[in-house]
Amino acid sequence: MGALDGLKIADFSWVGAGPRATKDLADNGATVIKIESRKRLDLGRRSPPFAGDPNDHDGSAFFAQTNTSKQSVTINLSDPRGVDVARQLVAWADVVVENFGPGFMDRIGLGYDELRRIRPDIILASVSVAGKTGPMAGFRGYGNSAAAHSGHAWLSGWPESEPHMPPLAYGDVVAPMFATVAILAALEYRARTGEGQHLDISQIEPMVHVIADLYAEDQPAKPGNDDAQFILHGVFPTAGEDQWIAIAVETDAQAAALAQVLGLAAADADAVAAATATQDKHDLAARLAAQGIAAAPVLDGREVLENPDLAAGGHYVSLDHPVLGRSQMPAPPYRFDRTPAGLFRAPLLGEHNEEVFVNMLGLSREEVMELGREGVLA
């Protein structure tokens, strides 16, 4: 039994910002019905890397990782009959999640006021780049737009260099964590009062939130890998091509210990770099850690995936997928001793149409087949 067994979510979200939040809920037992459409394919299904054919909408590893433990149905929301079916899912759900562009849900007749008419205590979680209210309401963009607006781009990169965009849509990663907390808080509020509410989650604000302390300075500078609070703080070369170790030295005692391990008179950055360049990063990290020095080998993507420590901790779950095959999927990064998470593979597009429309909502098989032929459930 998962911690959220019995929680029902109609998930209209797509790409990353919404689906990452509903993944957290699904992995912990919530029933998440992902509403998709062949007419407007989730961009997450088009995102690399792919297993084989990049045109196979079921072959995206990005989608598979972002949508574990969910069910998929196809509804054409541009057809009023499709919206009628979606309303039935709203009536079933405890929570609705969406991250469409400004005004889309209202235009198709599924805005918050309409959702409340369908189910008065519904919780609607809306995720967007800049929120639904305030001067920037309606701003269109992606996660990297949030990186620019939040200051992340300005603080990234080397000192005296131009702003550097994060290598991924970081807002799509940070905002879902706040969305999950907001949804759980709204569920607690409803349990006490019987009232639902509309949750407005932006990407820019969570990204400001996680670096707000840096802006206590009048004009924060790009630190690169340095940290003004440490004697030594950075990454240093080790034996092998493009191999590195991260070292942080905070006290004089740690600096002396580092110098002793490396056989140096003093632990200045250049001398440390020369001394580490001939050593194995894993062995050196272990020896430094034994002396109370914060050090870790810098792992590339393959090393992270094959990390025996993560494997031993149960971080990866091996799941069979019809297109990707046997795949390692990251489990939730926490452990419940009474209600452990239970992952199952991400759904194929429209895989659960009959299970949801017929068995759950009570439509006849004939009606579902006819609506499918007419492009309504597509």
Protein backbone atom coordinates (compact mmCIF):
# COMPACT_ATOMS: atom_id res chain seq x y z
CA MET A 1 0.00 0.00 0.00
CA GLY A 2 1.40 3.38 -1.02
CA ALA A 3 1.14 6.49 1.13
CA LEU A 4 -1.29 8.07 -1.36
CA ASP A 5 -3.46 5.07 -2.21
CA GLY A 6 -6.98 6.27 -2.97
CA LEU A 7 -5.94 9.71 -4.22
CA LYS A 8 -7.34 10.33 -7.73
CA ILE A 9 -5.70 12.76 -10.15
CA ALA A 10 -6.76 13.88 -13.62
CA ASP A 11 -3.46 14.95 -15.14
CA PHE A 12 -3.80 17.28 -18.14
CA SER A 13 -0.16 18.39 -17.87
CA TRP A 14 2.54 17.71 -20.42
CA VAL A 15 6.30 17.97 -21.10
CA GLY A 16 8.06 18.32 -17.71
CA ALA A 17 6.83 20.85 -15.16
CA GLY A 18 3.44 19.24 -14.47
CA PRO A 19 4.28 15.57 -15.15
CA ARG A 20 7.21 15.56 -12.73
CA ALA A 21 4.86 16.56 -9.89
CA THR A 22 2.22 13.98 -10.76
CA LYS A 23 4.97 11.34 -11.08
CA ASP A 24 5.85 11.90 -7.41
CA LEU A 25 2.22 11.36 -6.47
CA ALA A 26 1.77 8.34 -8.75
CA ASP A 27 4.93 6.62 -7.50
CA ASN A 28 3.50 6.87 -3.98
CA GLY A 29 0.22 5.18 -4.85
CA ALA A 30 -2.06 7.89 -6.29
CA THR A 31 -4.12 6.89 -9.32
CA VAL A 32 -2.99 9.32 -12.00
CA ILE A 33 -4.87 9.36 -15.31
CA LYS A 34 -2.76 11.18 -17.87
CA ILE A 35 -4.92 12.86 -20.51
CA GLU A 36 -3.11 12.94 -23.85
CA SER A 37 -4.01 13.29 -27.51
CA ARG A 38 -2.67 12.00 -30.79
CA LYS A 39 -3.89 15.31 -32.25
CA ARG A 40 -1.56 17.29 -29.96
CA LEU A 41 1.17 14.92 -28.88
CA ASP A 42 2.85 15.52 -25.53
CA LEU A 43 6.19 17.14 -26.36
CA GLY A 44 7.70 14.88 -23.72
CA ARG A 45 7.07 11.95 -26.06
CA ARG A 46 9.15 13.75 -28.68
CA SER A 47 12.04 14.47 -26.33
CA PRO A 48 15.32 12.52 -26.59
CA PRO A 49 16.91 10.18 -25.87
CA PHE A 50 14.97 7.56 -27.81
CA ALA A 51 15.07 3.79 -27.92
CA GLY A 52 15.36 3.28 -31.66
CA ASP A 53 13.00 5.25 -33.91
CA PRO A 54 12.73 8.91 -32.78
CA ASN A 55 9.29 9.01 -34.41
CA ASP A 56 7.98 6.30 -32.08
CA HIS A 57 5.92 8.23 -29.52
CA ASP A 58 6.35 5.37 -27.04
CA GLY A 59 10.15 5.28 -27.29
CA SER A 60 11.24 8.40 -25.39
CA ALA A 61 13.34 7.67 -22.30
CA PHE A 62 12.59 11.20 -21.09
CA PHE A 63 8.86 10.49 -21.16
CA ALA A 64 9.31 7.06 -19.61
CA GLN A 65 11.21 8.48 -16.64
CA THR A 66 8.88 11.44 -16.15
CA ASN A 67 5.64 9.46 -16.24
CA THR A 68 6.17 6.29 -14.26
CA SER A 69 3.22 4.74 -12.45
CA LYS A 70 0.55 6.58 -14.50
CA GLN A 71 -2.23 5.51 -16.84
CA SER A 72 -2.71 7.10 -20.27
CA VAL A 73 -5.93 7.92 -22.11
CA THR A 74 -6.39 9.88 -25.32
CA ILE A 75 -8.95 12.68 -25.52
CA ASN A 76 -9.17 15.29 -28.26
CA LEU A 77 -9.83 18.43 -26.22
CA SER A 78 -10.50 20.48 -29.35
CA ASP A 79 -13.74 18.50 -29.79
CA PRO A 80 -16.61 19.43 -27.42
CA ARG A 81 -17.47 15.74 -27.09
CA GLY A 82 -13.94 15.11 -25.89
CA VAL A 83 -14.31 17.87 -23.33
CA ASP A 84 -17.51 16.20 -22.13
CA VAL A 85 -15.56 13.00 -21.47
CA ALA A 86 -12.88 15.04 -19.71
CA ARG A 87 -15.58 16.48 -17.46
CA GLN A 88 -16.40 12.96 -16.34
CA LEU A 89 -12.79 12.49 -15.33
CA VAL A 90 -12.94 15.76 -13.38
CA ALA A 91 -16.01 14.50 -11.54
CA TRP A 92 -14.04 11.36 -10.62
CA ALA A 93 -10.86 13.18 -9.56
CA ASP A 94 -9.71 14.74 -6.31
CA VAL A 95 -7.09 16.86 -8.06
CA VAL A 96 -6.71 18.27 -11.57
CA VAL A 97 -3.25 19.29 -12.79
CA GLU A 98 -2.52 21.40 -15.88
CA ASN A 99 0.38 23.41 -17.31
CA PHE A 100 -1.11 24.68 -20.57
CA GLY A 101 -0.62 28.16 -21.95
CA PRO A 102 -2.58 31.09 -20.49
CA GLY A 103 -6.35 30.78 -20.91
CA PHE A 104 -6.37 27.36 -22.59
CA MET A 105 -8.39 25.58 -19.90
CA ASP A 106 -10.95 28.41 -19.86
CA ARG A 107 -11.26 28.38 -23.66
CA ILE A 108 -12.12 24.69 -23.79
CA GLY A 109 -14.60 24.98 -20.92
CA LEU A 110 -12.45 23.49 -18.15
CA GLY A 111 -11.45 26.61 -16.22
CA TYR A 112 -11.54 26.56 -12.43
CA ASP A 113 -15.05 27.95 -12.15
CA GLU A 114 -16.36 25.21 -14.44
CA LEU A 115 -14.40 22.55 -12.56
CA ARG A 116 -16.02 23.71 -9.33
CA ARG A 117 -19.44 23.34 -10.89
CA ILE A 118 -18.54 19.76 -11.74
CA ARG A 119 -17.03 19.04 -8.32
CA PRO A 120 -17.26 21.82 -5.72
CA ASP A 121 -14.30 20.62 -3.66
CA ILE A 122 -11.94 20.09 -6.59
CA ILE A 123 -8.29 21.10 -6.28
CA LEU A 124 -6.81 22.57 -9.46
CA ALA A 125 -3.03 22.87 -9.66
CA SER A 126 -1.86 25.16 -12.47
CA VAL A 127 1.85 25.25 -13.28
CA SER A 128 3.26 27.94 -15.56
CA VAL A 129 6.46 29.90 -16.16
CA ALA A 130 5.32 33.09 -14.45
CA GLY A 131 2.05 32.25 -12.69
CA LYS A 132 -1.57 33.09 -13.46
CA THR A 133 -1.68 36.43 -11.63
CA GLY A 134 0.47 39.54 -11.38
CA PRO A 135 2.18 41.71 -14.01
CA MET A 136 3.78 38.74 -15.77
CA ALA A 137 0.65 36.61 -15.92
CA GLY A 138 0.33 35.23 -19.41
CA PHE A 139 4.06 35.13 -20.07
CA ARG A 140 4.88 32.31 -22.48
CA GLY A 141 8.18 30.48 -22.25
CA TYR A 142 10.07 27.41 -21.15
CA GLY A 143 12.17 26.38 -18.17
CA ASN A 144 15.17 28.29 -19.48
CA SER A 145 13.04 31.43 -19.62
CA ALA A 146 12.64 31.01 -15.88
CA ALA A 147 16.41 30.63 -15.57
CA ALA A 148 16.84 34.04 -17.18
CA HIS A 149 14.13 35.76 -15.13
CA SER A 150 15.19 34.22 -11.81
CA GLY A 151 18.87 35.16 -11.97
CA HIS A 152 20.19 31.61 -12.39
CA ALA A 153 21.67 32.42 -15.79
CA TRP A 154 23.38 35.55 -14.44
CA LEU A 155 25.06 33.64 -11.61
CA SER A 156 26.12 30.67 -13.76
CA GLY A 157 29.39 30.43 -15.65
CA TRP A 158 32.87 31.69 -14.92
CA PRO A 159 33.62 35.09 -13.37
CA GLU A 160 33.72 37.90 -15.94
CA SER A 161 31.94 35.67 -18.47
CA GLU A 162 28.57 36.14 -20.15
CA PRO A 163 25.46 34.65 -18.49
CA HIS A 164 25.28 30.87 -18.89
CA MET A 165 21.99 29.01 -19.31
CA PRO A 166 21.58 25.79 -17.32
CA PRO A 167 22.04 22.68 -19.47
CA LEU A 168 18.44 21.67 -18.87
CA ALA A 169 15.10 23.36 -18.17
CA TYR A 170 15.85 23.63 -14.46
CA GLY A 171 12.51 25.32 -13.77
CA ASP A 172 10.82 22.12 -14.95
CA VAL A 173 12.64 20.32 -12.14
CA VAL A 174 12.33 22.81 -9.27
CA ALA A 175 8.71 23.93 -9.75
CA PRO A 176 7.23 20.39 -9.56
CA MET A 177 8.64 19.90 -6.06
CA PHE A 178 6.79 23.00 -4.92
CA ALA A 179 3.69 21.87 -6.84
CA THR A 180 3.73 18.54 -5.01
CA VAL A 181 3.96 20.25 -1.63
CA ALA A 182 1.16 22.65 -2.60
CA ILE A 183 -1.11 19.78 -3.69
CA LEU A 184 -0.51 17.85 -0.47
CA ALA A 185 -1.16 21.00 1.60
CA ALA A 186 -4.41 21.66 -0.30
CA LEU A 187 -5.51 18.08 0.32
CA GLU A 188 -4.87 18.53 4.04
CA TYR A 189 -6.86 21.77 3.99
CA ARG A 190 -9.76 20.06 2.21
CA ALA A 191 -9.71 17.19 4.71
CA ARG A 192 -10.22 19.74 7.50
CA THR A 193 -12.65 22.14 5.81
CA GLY A 194 -14.24 20.26 2.91
CA GLU A 195 -13.12 23.02 0.53
CA GLY A 196 -10.96 22.80 -2.58
CA GLN A 197 -8.89 25.59 -4.07
CA HIS A 198 -6.93 26.74 -7.11
CA LEU A 199 -3.14 26.45 -6.76
CA ASP A 200 -1.00 28.82 -8.85
CA ILE A 201 2.59 27.56 -9.18
CA SER A 202 5.11 29.47 -11.26
CA GLN A 203 8.59 28.36 -12.30
CA ILE A 204 10.30 31.71 -11.79
CA GLU A 205 9.40 32.07 -8.11
CA PRO A 206 10.65 28.62 -6.99
CA MET A 207 13.90 29.29 -8.82
CA VAL A 208 14.29 32.62 -7.03
CA HIS A 209 13.39 30.86 -3.79
CA VAL A 210 16.31 28.41 -3.97
CA ILE A 211 18.96 31.13 -4.50
CA ALA A 212 17.37 34.04 -2.63
CA ASP A 213 20.17 34.12 -0.04
CA LEU A 214 22.70 34.94 -2.78
CA TYR A 215 20.85 38.17 -3.50
CA ALA A 216 21.39 39.43 0.03
CA GLU A 217 24.58 40.84 -1.48
CA ASP A 218 24.27 44.17 -3.28
CA GLN A 219 25.63 42.74 -6.52
CA PRO A 220 26.39 39.01 -6.34
CA ALA A 221 29.31 37.95 -8.52
CA LYS A 222 29.71 34.76 -10.49
CA PRO A 223 31.58 32.41 -8.17
CA GLY A 224 32.39 29.75 -10.75
CA ASN A 225 33.53 26.79 -8.63
CA ASP A 226 34.88 29.02 -5.85
CA ASP A 227 33.21 29.76 -2.54
CA ALA A 228 34.32 32.75 -0.50
CA GLN A 229 33.52 30.95 2.76
CA PHE A 230 36.03 28.15 2.06
CA ILE A 231 39.83 28.07 1.99
CA LEU A 232 39.74 25.81 -1.06
CA HIS A 233 36.66 24.96 -3.08
CA GLY A 234 36.61 23.53 -6.59
CA VAL A 235 37.26 20.62 -8.91
CA PHE A 236 40.73 19.34 -9.67
CA PRO A 237 42.07 17.04 -12.40
CA THR A 238 42.85 13.38 -11.69
CA ALA A 239 44.42 10.53 -13.63
CA GLY A 240 42.74 9.70 -16.93
CA GLU A 241 41.09 11.72 -19.65
CA ASP A 242 38.63 14.33 -18.35
CA GLN A 243 38.60 12.87 -14.82
CA TRP A 244 38.06 15.13 -11.82
CA ILE A 245 37.65 15.29 -8.07
CA ALA A 246 35.67 17.89 -6.09
CA ILE A 247 37.33 19.13 -2.90
CA ALA A 248 36.08 21.59 -0.28
CA VAL A 249 38.34 22.73 2.57
CA GLU A 250 36.77 24.88 5.25
CA THR A 251 39.27 24.97 8.13
CA ASP A 252 43.02 25.28 8.62
CA ALA A 253 43.04 21.76 10.09
CA GLN A 254 41.44 20.38 6.94
CA ALA A 255 43.93 22.32 4.79
CA ALA A 256 46.82 20.78 6.73
CA ALA A 257 45.31 17.31 6.38
CA LEU A 258 44.88 17.80 2.62
CA ALA A 259 48.49 18.92 2.26
CA GLN A 260 49.68 15.88 4.23
CA VAL A 261 47.67 13.41 2.12
CA LEU A 262 49.01 14.97 -1.09
CA GLY A 263 52.57 15.38 0.19
CA LEU A 264 52.52 19.16 -0.13
CA ALA A 265 53.99 21.92 1.99
CA ALA A 266 50.76 23.92 1.66
CA ALA A 267 47.38 23.30 0.04
CA ASP A 268 47.22 26.11 -2.52
CA ALA A 269 45.05 25.50 -5.57
CA ASP A 270 47.82 25.13 -8.17
CA ALA A 271 49.84 22.72 -6.06
CA VAL A 272 46.74 20.69 -5.26
CA ALA A 273 45.84 20.46 -8.95
CA ALA A 274 49.33 19.23 -9.84
CA ALA A 275 49.25 16.64 -7.06
CA THR A 276 45.79 15.27 -7.84
CA ALA A 277 46.46 14.98 -11.59
CA THR A 278 48.27 11.65 -11.21
CA GLN A 279 45.85 9.99 -8.79
CA ASP A 280 42.74 7.88 -9.16
CA LYS A 281 39.70 9.99 -8.30
CA HIS A 282 37.89 7.26 -6.37
CA ASP A 283 40.90 6.22 -4.30
CA LEU A 284 41.87 9.82 -3.54
CA ALA A 285 38.31 10.74 -2.54
CA ALA A 286 38.22 7.83 -0.10
CA ARG A 287 41.58 8.79 1.46
CA LEU A 288 40.57 12.43 1.82
CA ALA A 289 37.18 11.54 3.31
CA ALA A 290 38.98 9.37 5.88
CA GLN A 291 40.81 12.52 6.99
CA GLY A 292 37.59 14.50 7.41
CA ILE A 293 37.92 16.40 4.13
CA ALA A 294 34.82 16.87 1.97
CA ALA A 295 35.81 15.25 -1.33
CA ALA A 296 34.02 13.28 -4.02
CA PRO A 297 34.83 11.90 -7.44
CA VAL A 298 33.10 13.80 -10.26
CA LEU A 299 30.93 11.20 -11.99
CA ASP A 300 29.73 11.36 -15.56
CA GLY A 301 26.29 10.14 -16.64
CA ARG A 302 27.29 6.50 -17.13
CA GLU A 303 29.11 6.40 -13.79
CA VAL A 304 26.03 7.78 -12.03
CA LEU A 305 23.81 5.17 -13.67
CA GLU A 306 26.24 2.39 -12.72
CA ASN A 307 27.07 3.79 -9.27
CA PRO A 308 27.12 0.77 -6.91
CA ASP A 309 26.26 2.96 -3.92
CA LEU A 310 23.05 4.21 -5.57
CA ALA A 311 22.22 0.68 -6.68
CA ALA A 312 22.77 -0.70 -3.18
CA GLY A 313 20.50 2.01 -1.80
CA GLY A 314 17.70 0.97 -4.14
CA HIS A 315 17.68 4.25 -6.06
CA TYR A 316 17.14 2.56 -9.42
CA VAL A 317 14.21 0.29 -10.18
CA SER A 318 14.40 -2.06 -13.13
CA LEU A 319 11.19 -1.99 -15.19
CA ASP A 320 10.18 -3.77 -18.38
CA HIS A 321 8.92 -1.45 -21.12
CA PRO A 322 7.46 -2.66 -24.45
CA VAL A 323 9.66 -0.27 -26.45
CA LEU A 324 12.60 0.63 -24.20
CA GLY A 325 13.03 -2.92 -22.94
CA ARG A 326 14.47 -3.56 -19.50
CA SER A 327 15.23 -0.07 -18.16
CA GLN A 328 16.59 1.46 -14.99
CA MET A 329 14.24 4.12 -13.63
CA PRO A 330 15.07 6.44 -10.72
CA ALA A 331 12.96 5.77 -7.64
CA PRO A 332 11.77 8.52 -5.28
CA PRO A 333 14.79 9.88 -3.38
CA TYR A 334 13.35 9.04 0.05
CA ARG A 335 12.25 5.92 1.90
CA PHE A 336 9.02 5.22 3.80
CA ASP A 337 9.35 2.28 6.19
CA ARG A 338 5.59 1.60 6.29
CA THR A 339 4.37 2.73 2.85
CA PRO A 340 7.18 2.19 0.36
CA ALA A 341 6.84 3.61 -3.14
CA GLY A 342 5.82 1.20 -5.87
CA LEU A 343 6.83 2.12 -9.41
CA PHE A 344 5.49 0.64 -12.60
CA ARG A 345 6.44 1.57 -16.13
CA ALA A 346 5.22 4.65 -17.98
CA PRO A 347 2.15 4.05 -20.15
CA LEU A 348 1.98 3.69 -23.90
CA LEU A 349 -0.09 6.38 -25.60
CA GLY A 350 -3.78 5.66 -24.94
CA GLU A 351 -2.96 2.30 -23.37
CA HIS A 352 -5.69 2.56 -20.73
CA ASN A 353 -8.58 3.91 -22.80
CA GLU A 354 -10.82 0.89 -22.27
CA GLU A 355 -9.90 0.46 -18.62
CA VAL A 356 -10.68 4.10 -17.83
CA PHE A 357 -13.53 4.93 -20.21
CA VAL A 358 -15.39 1.62 -19.95
CA ASN A 359 -14.50 0.10 -16.60
CA MET A 360 -14.13 3.31 -14.60
CA LEU A 361 -16.40 5.89 -16.24
CA GLY A 362 -19.03 3.42 -17.46
CA LEU A 363 -19.08 4.23 -21.19
CA SER A 364 -19.99 1.29 -23.42
CA ARG A 365 -17.31 -0.36 -25.53
CA GLU A 366 -19.33 0.48 -28.63
CA GLU A 367 -19.46 4.17 -27.67
CA VAL A 368 -15.73 4.26 -26.97
CA MET A 369 -14.96 2.60 -30.30
CA GLU A 370 -17.23 5.02 -32.17
CA LEU A 371 -15.73 8.05 -30.44
CA GLY A 372 -12.30 6.70 -31.30
CA ARG A 373 -13.21 6.31 -34.97
CA GLU A 374 -14.54 9.87 -35.03
CA GLY A 375 -11.33 11.28 -33.55
CA VAL A 376 -12.88 12.27 -30.23
CA LEU A 377 -10.93 9.79 -28.10
CA ALA A 378 -7.72 10.18 -30.05
